[in-house]
Amino acid sequence: MNALASKAFEAPVVYRPSDAEPFMNERQLAYFKAKLLAWKDDILRESRGTVVNLKAETENHPDLVDRASSESDRALELRTRDRQRKLISKIDEALRRIEDGSYGFCEDTGEPIGLGRLEARPTATLSVEAQERHERRERVHRDD
């Protein structure tokens, strides 16, 4: 087998951001942008399926239990879609931060959020420490 043919059988190298490289370099920004766009596309694809299902579910159930179950399913689906609509808004905000150069940095402290946190929650705007402070303040004010 020649070198070109053996190259075709190699698995593609998958890029993962690393702490060994400069934080939020072009490659990392491109990685997170692609991740956010793919996530948004998945959500939009699911929501289109929901619209089709909700239109198909307009049948009238003569049995009260079936009707109640159907309405409960519909309400749950609509709540899920509303949460996903809000998530799309957060994804769009993260994409804007990538474009303006502020992505990956804590809104409170200006410090890097950290690759692990961004990998787990690409829409994060606060570092773990700032998020914990924010949640503590919320609990204190909620208990008042």
N, C-alpha and C. Protein backbone atom coordinates (compact mmCIF):
# COMPACT_ATOMS: atom_id res chain seq x y z
N MET A 1 0.85 -1.17 0.00
CA MET A 1 0.00 0.00 0.00
C MET A 1 0.91 1.24 0.00
N ASN A 2 0.58 2.21 -0.84
CA ASN A 2 1.42 3.41 -0.89
C ASN A 2 1.07 4.35 0.26
N ALA A 3 1.88 5.38 0.43
CA ALA A 3 1.70 6.30 1.55
C ALA A 3 0.36 7.02 1.50
N LEU A 4 -0.10 7.38 0.30
CA LEU A 4 -1.37 8.08 0.15
C LEU A 4 -2.53 7.19 0.55
N ALA A 5 -2.49 5.92 0.14
CA ALA A 5 -3.56 4.99 0.48
C ALA A 5 -3.59 4.72 1.98
N SER A 6 -2.43 4.59 2.62
CA SER A 6 -2.44 4.33 4.06
C SER A 6 -2.95 5.54 4.83
N LYS A 7 -2.73 6.73 4.30
CA LYS A 7 -3.21 7.97 4.93
C LYS A 7 -4.74 7.99 4.98
N ALA A 8 -5.37 7.43 3.95
CA ALA A 8 -6.83 7.44 3.87
C ALA A 8 -7.47 6.60 4.97
N PHE A 9 -6.73 5.62 5.53
CA PHE A 9 -7.29 4.74 6.54
C PHE A 9 -7.02 5.21 7.96
N GLU A 10 -6.24 6.29 8.11
CA GLU A 10 -5.96 6.82 9.44
C GLU A 10 -7.18 7.56 9.96
N ALA A 11 -7.40 7.43 11.25
CA ALA A 11 -8.50 8.16 11.87
C ALA A 11 -8.16 9.64 11.88
N PRO A 12 -9.14 10.50 11.64
CA PRO A 12 -8.86 11.94 11.69
C PRO A 12 -8.46 12.35 13.10
N VAL A 13 -7.55 13.30 13.16
CA VAL A 13 -7.11 13.82 14.44
C VAL A 13 -8.19 14.76 14.96
N VAL A 14 -8.66 14.49 16.15
CA VAL A 14 -9.70 15.32 16.76
C VAL A 14 -9.02 16.32 17.68
N TYR A 15 -9.27 17.58 17.44
CA TYR A 15 -8.67 18.64 18.25
C TYR A 15 -9.41 18.79 19.56
N ARG A 16 -8.68 18.87 20.64
CA ARG A 16 -9.23 19.18 21.95
C ARG A 16 -8.40 20.33 22.52
N PRO A 17 -9.03 21.40 22.98
CA PRO A 17 -8.29 22.50 23.57
C PRO A 17 -7.44 22.00 24.75
N SER A 18 -6.30 22.60 24.92
CA SER A 18 -5.37 22.17 25.96
C SER A 18 -4.85 23.38 26.74
N ASP A 19 -4.57 23.14 28.02
CA ASP A 19 -3.98 24.20 28.85
C ASP A 19 -2.55 24.51 28.44
N ALA A 20 -1.96 23.65 27.60
CA ALA A 20 -0.57 23.85 27.17
C ALA A 20 -0.46 24.91 26.07
N GLU A 21 -1.58 25.36 25.54
CA GLU A 21 -1.55 26.38 24.48
C GLU A 21 -2.12 27.69 25.01
N PRO A 22 -1.87 28.80 24.32
CA PRO A 22 -2.40 30.09 24.78
C PRO A 22 -3.92 30.04 24.89
N PHE A 23 -4.46 30.59 25.97
CA PHE A 23 -5.90 30.57 26.23
C PHE A 23 -6.64 31.40 25.19
N MET A 24 -7.69 30.83 24.65
CA MET A 24 -8.57 31.42 23.65
C MET A 24 -7.80 31.90 22.41
N ASN A 25 -6.88 31.03 21.95
CA ASN A 25 -6.21 31.31 20.68
C ASN A 25 -7.20 31.02 19.55
N GLU A 26 -6.81 31.30 18.32
CA GLU A 26 -7.73 31.14 17.19
C GLU A 26 -8.29 29.72 17.08
N ARG A 27 -7.45 28.74 17.35
CA ARG A 27 -7.90 27.35 17.23
C ARG A 27 -8.96 27.03 18.29
N GLN A 28 -8.73 27.49 19.52
CA GLN A 28 -9.73 27.25 20.57
C GLN A 28 -11.03 27.98 20.26
N LEU A 29 -10.93 29.21 19.80
CA LEU A 29 -12.14 29.96 19.45
C LEU A 29 -12.92 29.26 18.35
N ALA A 30 -12.21 28.76 17.34
CA ALA A 30 -12.86 28.03 16.24
C ALA A 30 -13.51 26.76 16.77
N TYR A 31 -12.84 26.07 17.69
CA TYR A 31 -13.38 24.85 18.28
C TYR A 31 -14.70 25.13 19.01
N PHE A 32 -14.69 26.15 19.88
CA PHE A 32 -15.90 26.46 20.65
C PHE A 32 -17.01 27.02 19.76
N LYS A 33 -16.65 27.76 18.73
CA LYS A 33 -17.65 28.26 17.80
C LYS A 33 -18.33 27.10 17.09
N ALA A 34 -17.55 26.13 16.62
CA ALA A 34 -18.12 24.96 15.94
C ALA A 34 -18.99 24.16 16.91
N LYS A 35 -18.55 24.03 18.16
CA LYS A 35 -19.31 23.30 19.16
C LYS A 35 -20.66 23.98 19.42
N LEU A 36 -20.63 25.30 19.58
CA LEU A 36 -21.86 26.05 19.83
C LEU A 36 -22.81 25.99 18.64
N LEU A 37 -22.28 26.13 17.43
CA LEU A 37 -23.13 26.07 16.23
C LEU A 37 -23.75 24.69 16.05
N ALA A 38 -23.00 23.64 16.33
CA ALA A 38 -23.54 22.27 16.22
C ALA A 38 -24.64 22.06 17.26
N TRP A 39 -24.43 22.57 18.46
CA TRP A 39 -25.43 22.45 19.52
C TRP A 39 -26.71 23.18 19.13
N LYS A 40 -26.55 24.37 18.60
CA LYS A 40 -27.71 25.16 18.16
C LYS A 40 -28.45 24.44 17.03
N ASP A 41 -27.72 23.89 16.07
CA ASP A 41 -28.36 23.15 14.98
C ASP A 41 -29.15 21.95 15.50
N ASP A 42 -28.59 21.23 16.47
CA ASP A 42 -29.30 20.08 17.05
C ASP A 42 -30.61 20.52 17.70
N ILE A 43 -30.56 21.61 18.44
CA ILE A 43 -31.76 22.11 19.11
C ILE A 43 -32.81 22.53 18.08
N LEU A 44 -32.38 23.23 17.05
CA LEU A 44 -33.32 23.67 16.02
C LEU A 44 -33.93 22.49 15.27
N ARG A 45 -33.13 21.47 15.02
CA ARG A 45 -33.64 20.27 14.34
C ARG A 45 -34.70 19.59 15.21
N GLU A 46 -34.41 19.48 16.51
CA GLU A 46 -35.39 18.89 17.44
C GLU A 46 -36.67 19.70 17.49
N SER A 47 -36.54 21.02 17.49
CA SER A 47 -37.74 21.86 17.61
C SER A 47 -38.60 21.75 16.35
N ARG A 48 -37.97 21.60 15.20
CA ARG A 48 -38.77 21.40 13.98
C ARG A 48 -39.56 20.10 14.07
N GLY A 49 -38.95 19.07 14.66
CA GLY A 49 -39.65 17.80 14.87
C GLY A 49 -40.80 17.97 15.83
N THR A 50 -40.65 18.80 16.82
CA THR A 50 -41.71 19.05 17.79
C THR A 50 -42.91 19.70 17.11
N VAL A 51 -42.66 20.66 16.26
CA VAL A 51 -43.76 21.34 15.56
C VAL A 51 -44.54 20.32 14.74
N VAL A 52 -43.83 19.46 14.05
CA VAL A 52 -44.50 18.43 13.24
C VAL A 52 -45.33 17.52 14.14
N ASN A 53 -44.74 17.09 15.26
CA ASN A 53 -45.46 16.20 16.18
C ASN A 53 -46.67 16.87 16.80
N LEU A 54 -46.54 18.15 17.17
CA LEU A 54 -47.68 18.84 17.77
C LEU A 54 -48.80 19.02 16.76
N LYS A 55 -48.47 19.26 15.51
CA LYS A 55 -49.51 19.37 14.49
C LYS A 55 -50.19 18.04 14.27
N ALA A 56 -49.41 16.97 14.33
CA ALA A 56 -49.97 15.63 14.12
C ALA A 56 -50.82 15.19 15.31
N GLU A 57 -50.56 15.74 16.47
CA GLU A 57 -51.26 15.36 17.70
C GLU A 57 -52.54 16.14 17.93
N THR A 58 -53.12 16.70 16.90
CA THR A 58 -54.33 17.50 17.10
C THR A 58 -55.59 16.63 17.17
N GLU A 59 -55.39 15.32 17.12
CA GLU A 59 -56.56 14.45 17.17
C GLU A 59 -57.29 14.59 18.49
N ASN A 60 -58.59 14.41 18.45
CA ASN A 60 -59.42 14.52 19.65
C ASN A 60 -59.54 13.13 20.27
N HIS A 61 -59.16 13.01 21.53
CA HIS A 61 -59.25 11.73 22.23
C HIS A 61 -60.59 11.65 22.95
N PRO A 62 -61.40 10.67 22.61
CA PRO A 62 -62.70 10.56 23.29
C PRO A 62 -62.56 10.16 24.76
N ASP A 63 -61.50 9.41 25.08
CA ASP A 63 -61.30 8.98 26.45
C ASP A 63 -60.63 10.11 27.24
N LEU A 64 -61.19 10.46 28.39
CA LEU A 64 -60.67 11.56 29.20
C LEU A 64 -59.24 11.32 29.67
N VAL A 65 -58.92 10.08 30.01
CA VAL A 65 -57.57 9.76 30.48
C VAL A 65 -56.57 9.95 29.34
N ASP A 66 -56.93 9.47 28.14
CA ASP A 66 -56.05 9.65 26.98
C ASP A 66 -55.86 11.13 26.66
N ARG A 67 -56.94 11.88 26.75
CA ARG A 67 -56.87 13.32 26.46
C ARG A 67 -55.98 14.02 27.49
N ALA A 68 -56.14 13.68 28.76
CA ALA A 68 -55.33 14.29 29.82
C ALA A 68 -53.86 13.93 29.63
N SER A 69 -53.59 12.70 29.28
CA SER A 69 -52.21 12.26 29.05
C SER A 69 -51.60 13.01 27.87
N SER A 70 -52.37 13.15 26.81
CA SER A 70 -51.90 13.86 25.63
C SER A 70 -51.62 15.32 25.94
N GLU A 71 -52.51 15.96 26.71
CA GLU A 71 -52.31 17.37 27.08
C GLU A 71 -51.09 17.53 27.98
N SER A 72 -50.89 16.58 28.88
CA SER A 72 -49.74 16.63 29.76
C SER A 72 -48.44 16.49 28.94
N ASP A 73 -48.44 15.58 27.99
CA ASP A 73 -47.27 15.40 27.11
C ASP A 73 -47.00 16.68 26.32
N ARG A 74 -48.05 17.27 25.81
CA ARG A 74 -47.93 18.50 25.02
C ARG A 74 -47.37 19.64 25.88
N ALA A 75 -47.85 19.78 27.10
CA ALA A 75 -47.37 20.84 27.99
C ALA A 75 -45.90 20.64 28.33
N LEU A 76 -45.51 19.39 28.58
CA LEU A 76 -44.11 19.09 28.87
C LEU A 76 -43.24 19.42 27.67
N GLU A 77 -43.68 19.05 26.50
CA GLU A 77 -42.93 19.33 25.27
C GLU A 77 -42.78 20.83 25.06
N LEU A 78 -43.83 21.60 25.30
CA LEU A 78 -43.76 23.05 25.13
C LEU A 78 -42.83 23.69 26.17
N ARG A 79 -42.84 23.19 27.40
CA ARG A 79 -41.91 23.71 28.42
C ARG A 79 -40.46 23.42 28.02
N THR A 80 -40.23 22.21 27.51
CA THR A 80 -38.89 21.84 27.06
C THR A 80 -38.44 22.75 25.93
N ARG A 81 -39.31 23.00 24.98
CA ARG A 81 -38.96 23.88 23.85
C ARG A 81 -38.71 25.30 24.32
N ASP A 82 -39.45 25.76 25.33
CA ASP A 82 -39.22 27.10 25.86
C ASP A 82 -37.84 27.20 26.50
N ARG A 83 -37.44 26.15 27.25
CA ARG A 83 -36.10 26.13 27.84
C ARG A 83 -35.05 26.13 26.74
N GLN A 84 -35.31 25.38 25.68
CA GLN A 84 -34.35 25.33 24.58
C GLN A 84 -34.29 26.66 23.82
N ARG A 85 -35.40 27.36 23.74
CA ARG A 85 -35.40 28.68 23.12
C ARG A 85 -34.49 29.63 23.90
N LYS A 86 -34.59 29.56 25.23
CA LYS A 86 -33.72 30.37 26.08
C LYS A 86 -32.26 29.96 25.92
N LEU A 87 -32.02 28.66 25.75
CA LEU A 87 -30.66 28.16 25.55
C LEU A 87 -30.09 28.67 24.22
N ILE A 88 -30.90 28.72 23.19
CA ILE A 88 -30.44 29.25 21.90
C ILE A 88 -30.02 30.70 22.07
N SER A 89 -30.75 31.44 22.87
CA SER A 89 -30.38 32.83 23.14
C SER A 89 -29.01 32.90 23.81
N LYS A 90 -28.75 32.01 24.76
CA LYS A 90 -27.44 31.96 25.43
C LYS A 90 -26.34 31.54 24.45
N ILE A 91 -26.65 30.62 23.57
CA ILE A 91 -25.67 30.20 22.55
C ILE A 91 -25.34 31.37 21.65
N ASP A 92 -26.38 32.11 21.22
CA ASP A 92 -26.14 33.28 20.36
C ASP A 92 -25.28 34.33 21.08
N GLU A 93 -25.52 34.51 22.39
CA GLU A 93 -24.71 35.45 23.16
C GLU A 93 -23.25 34.98 23.20
N ALA A 94 -23.05 33.67 23.39
CA ALA A 94 -21.68 33.13 23.41
C ALA A 94 -21.00 33.32 22.06
N LEU A 95 -21.74 33.13 20.97
CA LEU A 95 -21.17 33.35 19.64
C LEU A 95 -20.79 34.81 19.44
N ARG A 96 -21.60 35.73 19.98
CA ARG A 96 -21.25 37.16 19.90
C ARG A 96 -19.98 37.45 20.70
N ARG A 97 -19.84 36.79 21.85
CA ARG A 97 -18.63 36.99 22.66
C ARG A 97 -17.40 36.45 21.92
N ILE A 98 -17.57 35.37 21.18
CA ILE A 98 -16.44 34.86 20.38
C ILE A 98 -16.03 35.93 19.37
N GLU A 99 -17.01 36.53 18.73
CA GLU A 99 -16.72 37.55 17.71
C GLU A 99 -16.08 38.80 18.30
N ASP A 100 -16.51 39.20 19.51
CA ASP A 100 -15.95 40.45 20.07
C ASP A 100 -14.71 40.21 20.93
N GLY A 101 -14.30 38.94 21.08
CA GLY A 101 -13.06 38.64 21.79
C GLY A 101 -13.20 38.48 23.29
N SER A 102 -14.42 38.50 23.83
CA SER A 102 -14.59 38.37 25.27
C SER A 102 -14.94 36.95 25.70
N TYR A 103 -15.10 36.04 24.75
CA TYR A 103 -15.49 34.66 25.08
C TYR A 103 -14.39 33.98 25.91
N GLY A 104 -14.81 33.26 26.93
CA GLY A 104 -13.88 32.50 27.74
C GLY A 104 -13.37 33.24 28.97
N PHE A 105 -13.79 34.50 29.10
CA PHE A 105 -13.33 35.30 30.23
C PHE A 105 -14.52 35.66 31.12
N CYS A 106 -14.31 35.58 32.42
CA CYS A 106 -15.36 35.82 33.42
C CYS A 106 -15.87 37.25 33.32
N GLU A 107 -17.19 37.40 33.30
CA GLU A 107 -17.80 38.73 33.26
C GLU A 107 -17.54 39.53 34.52
N ASP A 108 -17.37 38.86 35.67
CA ASP A 108 -17.14 39.56 36.94
C ASP A 108 -15.68 39.95 37.12
N THR A 109 -14.77 39.00 36.87
CA THR A 109 -13.37 39.22 37.21
C THR A 109 -12.47 39.49 36.01
N GLY A 110 -12.91 39.11 34.82
CA GLY A 110 -12.07 39.25 33.64
C GLY A 110 -11.04 38.14 33.50
N GLU A 111 -11.00 37.23 34.47
CA GLU A 111 -10.06 36.11 34.45
C GLU A 111 -10.58 35.01 33.51
N PRO A 112 -9.68 34.16 33.00
CA PRO A 112 -10.13 33.03 32.17
C PRO A 112 -11.10 32.13 32.94
N ILE A 113 -12.14 31.70 32.28
CA ILE A 113 -13.14 30.81 32.89
C ILE A 113 -12.54 29.42 33.08
N GLY A 114 -11.75 28.98 32.14
CA GLY A 114 -11.14 27.65 32.22
C GLY A 114 -11.72 26.73 31.18
N LEU A 115 -10.83 25.95 30.56
CA LEU A 115 -11.26 25.07 29.47
C LEU A 115 -12.21 23.98 29.93
N GLY A 116 -11.97 23.43 31.11
CA GLY A 116 -12.85 22.37 31.62
C GLY A 116 -14.29 22.85 31.78
N ARG A 117 -14.44 24.03 32.34
CA ARG A 117 -15.79 24.59 32.52
C ARG A 117 -16.42 24.91 31.18
N LEU A 118 -15.66 25.48 30.26
CA LEU A 118 -16.21 25.81 28.94
C LEU A 118 -16.55 24.55 28.15
N GLU A 119 -15.77 23.51 28.34
CA GLU A 119 -16.06 22.24 27.67
C GLU A 119 -17.39 21.69 28.17
N ALA A 120 -17.60 21.76 29.48
CA ALA A 120 -18.84 21.26 30.09
C ALA A 120 -20.02 22.18 29.83
N ARG A 121 -19.76 23.49 29.83
CA ARG A 121 -20.83 24.49 29.66
C ARG A 121 -20.32 25.61 28.77
N PRO A 122 -20.40 25.41 27.44
CA PRO A 122 -19.83 26.39 26.51
C PRO A 122 -20.46 27.78 26.57
N THR A 123 -21.60 27.91 27.23
CA THR A 123 -22.26 29.22 27.34
C THR A 123 -21.90 29.93 28.64
N ALA A 124 -21.00 29.36 29.44
CA ALA A 124 -20.64 29.93 30.74
C ALA A 124 -20.10 31.35 30.57
N THR A 125 -20.51 32.23 31.48
CA THR A 125 -20.03 33.61 31.47
C THR A 125 -19.26 33.95 32.74
N LEU A 126 -19.29 33.03 33.71
CA LEU A 126 -18.61 33.25 34.99
C LEU A 126 -17.66 32.10 35.28
N SER A 127 -16.56 32.41 35.94
CA SER A 127 -15.65 31.35 36.40
C SER A 127 -16.37 30.56 37.49
N VAL A 128 -15.82 29.41 37.84
CA VAL A 128 -16.44 28.59 38.88
C VAL A 128 -16.55 29.38 40.18
N GLU A 129 -15.48 30.09 40.55
CA GLU A 129 -15.48 30.85 41.79
C GLU A 129 -16.53 31.97 41.76
N ALA A 130 -16.60 32.70 40.66
CA ALA A 130 -17.58 33.78 40.54
C ALA A 130 -19.00 33.22 40.55
N GLN A 131 -19.22 32.07 39.91
CA GLN A 131 -20.54 31.44 39.90
C GLN A 131 -20.93 31.03 41.31
N GLU A 132 -19.98 30.47 42.06
CA GLU A 132 -20.28 30.08 43.44
C GLU A 132 -20.64 31.29 44.30
N ARG A 133 -19.90 32.40 44.15
CA ARG A 133 -20.23 33.63 44.88
C ARG A 133 -21.63 34.11 44.52
N HIS A 134 -21.94 34.08 43.23
CA HIS A 134 -23.25 34.51 42.74
C HIS A 134 -24.36 33.66 43.36
N GLU A 135 -24.15 32.34 43.38
CA GLU A 135 -25.17 31.44 43.94
C GLU A 135 -25.32 31.62 45.44
N ARG A 136 -24.21 31.89 46.14
CA ARG A 136 -24.29 32.14 47.59
C ARG A 136 -25.11 33.41 47.86
N ARG A 137 -24.85 34.46 47.08
CA ARG A 137 -25.62 35.71 47.24
C ARG A 137 -27.10 35.47 46.98
N GLU A 138 -27.41 34.67 45.95
CA GLU A 138 -28.82 34.37 45.66
C GLU A 138 -29.48 33.66 46.81
N ARG A 139 -28.77 32.69 47.41
CA ARG A 139 -29.34 31.95 48.54
C ARG A 139 -29.59 32.87 49.73
N VAL A 140 -28.65 33.75 50.00
CA VAL A 140 -28.78 34.68 51.12
C VAL A 140 -29.99 35.60 50.90
N HIS A 141 -30.11 36.15 49.71
CA HIS A 141 -31.22 37.06 49.44
C HIS A 141 -32.56 36.31 49.34
N ARG A 142 -32.52 35.09 48.91
CA ARG A 142 -33.75 34.30 48.83
C ARG A 142 -34.27 33.99 50.23
N ASP A 143 -33.34 33.78 51.17
CA ASP A 143 -33.73 33.45 52.54
C ASP A 143 -34.22 34.65 53.33
N ASP A 144 -34.01 35.86 52.80
CA ASP A 144 -34.45 37.08 53.52
C ASP A 144 -35.95 37.20 53.58
